[in-house]
Amino acid sequence: MHTTDSKASHPFVGMWVTEDGYIRQELLPNGRYDEARGSKKNAYQGRYEITGNHIEYWDDTGFTADGEFVDDVLHHVGMRFHRE
């Protein structure tokens, strides 16, 4: 399985933002993510793994989710994130 833990230069690492700018999700090079919602920093934090164009999330509270990268857009739980 391909993970980002040792891939600091993975093409999907970086900041992803919803079209309205409300949700900002940073995919960190160490396989962790940090998500801000509105003015609330660190709303969600956890780990992620990327396999091909698919991303799996495990929030530190136990919540899980996934998404797909398509044409440099992250599709995640019904939202579209663009690279910042």
Protein backbone atom coordinates (compact mmCIF):
# COMPACT_ATOMS: atom_id res chain seq x y z
CA MET A 1 0.00 0.00 0.00
CA HIS A 2 1.32 3.43 -0.92
CA THR A 3 1.23 5.93 1.91
CA THR A 4 2.44 9.49 2.25
CA ASP A 5 4.36 8.81 5.49
CA SER A 6 7.71 8.81 3.71
CA LYS A 7 6.74 10.81 0.64
CA ALA A 8 7.27 14.49 1.48
CA SER A 9 7.09 15.30 -2.23
CA HIS A 10 3.84 13.40 -2.90
CA PRO A 11 1.85 15.41 -5.46
CA PHE A 12 -1.26 15.69 -3.25
CA VAL A 13 0.51 17.02 -0.13
CA GLY A 14 -0.43 20.62 0.64
CA MET A 15 -3.45 22.84 1.30
CA TRP A 16 -6.85 22.02 -0.19
CA VAL A 17 -9.74 24.50 0.13
CA THR A 18 -13.47 24.25 -0.62
CA GLU A 19 -14.83 26.49 -3.37
CA ASP A 20 -16.36 28.85 -0.78
CA GLY A 21 -13.15 28.92 1.30
CA TYR A 22 -14.95 27.72 4.44
CA ILE A 23 -13.06 24.43 4.85
CA ARG A 24 -9.29 24.28 4.60
CA GLN A 25 -7.66 20.87 4.72
CA GLU A 26 -3.89 20.58 4.90
CA LEU A 27 -2.39 17.23 3.93
CA LEU A 28 0.93 17.14 5.74
CA PRO A 29 3.96 15.25 4.39
CA ASN A 30 4.06 12.99 7.48
CA GLY A 31 0.70 11.34 6.68
CA ARG A 32 -1.33 13.57 9.01
CA TYR A 33 -3.98 16.13 8.12
CA ASP A 34 -5.32 19.24 9.81
CA GLU A 35 -8.70 20.66 8.85
CA ALA A 36 -10.01 24.13 9.69
CA ARG A 37 -13.68 25.12 9.37
CA GLY A 38 -14.48 28.81 9.22
CA SER A 39 -12.64 30.51 12.08
CA LYS A 40 -12.16 27.21 13.97
CA LYS A 41 -8.60 26.02 13.49
CA ASN A 42 -7.87 22.34 14.06
CA ALA A 43 -11.53 21.35 13.74
CA TYR A 44 -10.44 17.87 12.66
CA GLN A 45 -7.06 16.19 12.79
CA GLY A 46 -5.93 12.69 12.00
CA ARG A 47 -4.01 10.54 9.59
CA TYR A 48 -4.50 9.75 5.95
CA GLU A 49 -3.26 7.30 3.33
CA ILE A 50 -3.27 7.76 -0.42
CA THR A 51 -3.40 4.89 -2.89
CA GLY A 52 -3.38 6.08 -6.49
CA ASN A 53 -6.02 8.83 -6.60
CA HIS A 54 -7.93 7.55 -3.55
CA ILE A 55 -7.53 9.00 -0.04
CA GLU A 56 -8.63 7.41 3.23
CA TYR A 57 -8.95 9.48 6.43
CA TRP A 58 -8.91 8.37 10.07
CA ASP A 59 -9.80 11.25 12.39
CA ASP A 60 -8.25 11.19 15.86
CA THR A 61 -11.78 10.89 17.32
CA GLY A 62 -12.46 7.69 15.34
CA PHE A 63 -14.37 9.18 12.41
CA THR A 64 -13.44 7.76 8.99
CA ALA A 65 -13.94 9.14 5.49
CA ASP A 66 -12.52 8.92 2.02
CA GLY A 67 -12.21 10.85 -1.21
CA GLU A 68 -10.87 10.90 -4.76
CA PHE A 69 -8.51 13.23 -6.59
CA VAL A 70 -9.83 13.93 -10.11
CA ASP A 71 -8.18 16.47 -12.41
CA ASP A 72 -6.46 18.23 -9.47
CA VAL A 73 -9.75 18.49 -7.52
CA LEU A 74 -10.29 16.58 -4.27
CA HIS A 75 -13.81 15.15 -4.07
CA HIS A 76 -14.50 14.45 -0.39
CA VAL A 77 -17.90 13.81 1.30
CA GLY A 78 -19.86 15.67 -1.35
CA MET A 79 -17.53 18.67 -1.45
CA ARG A 80 -14.93 19.82 -3.95
CA PHE A 81 -11.53 21.01 -2.70
CA HIS A 82 -9.09 22.92 -4.88
CA ARG A 83 -5.38 23.18 -4.31
CA GLU A 84 -4.36 26.46 -2.73
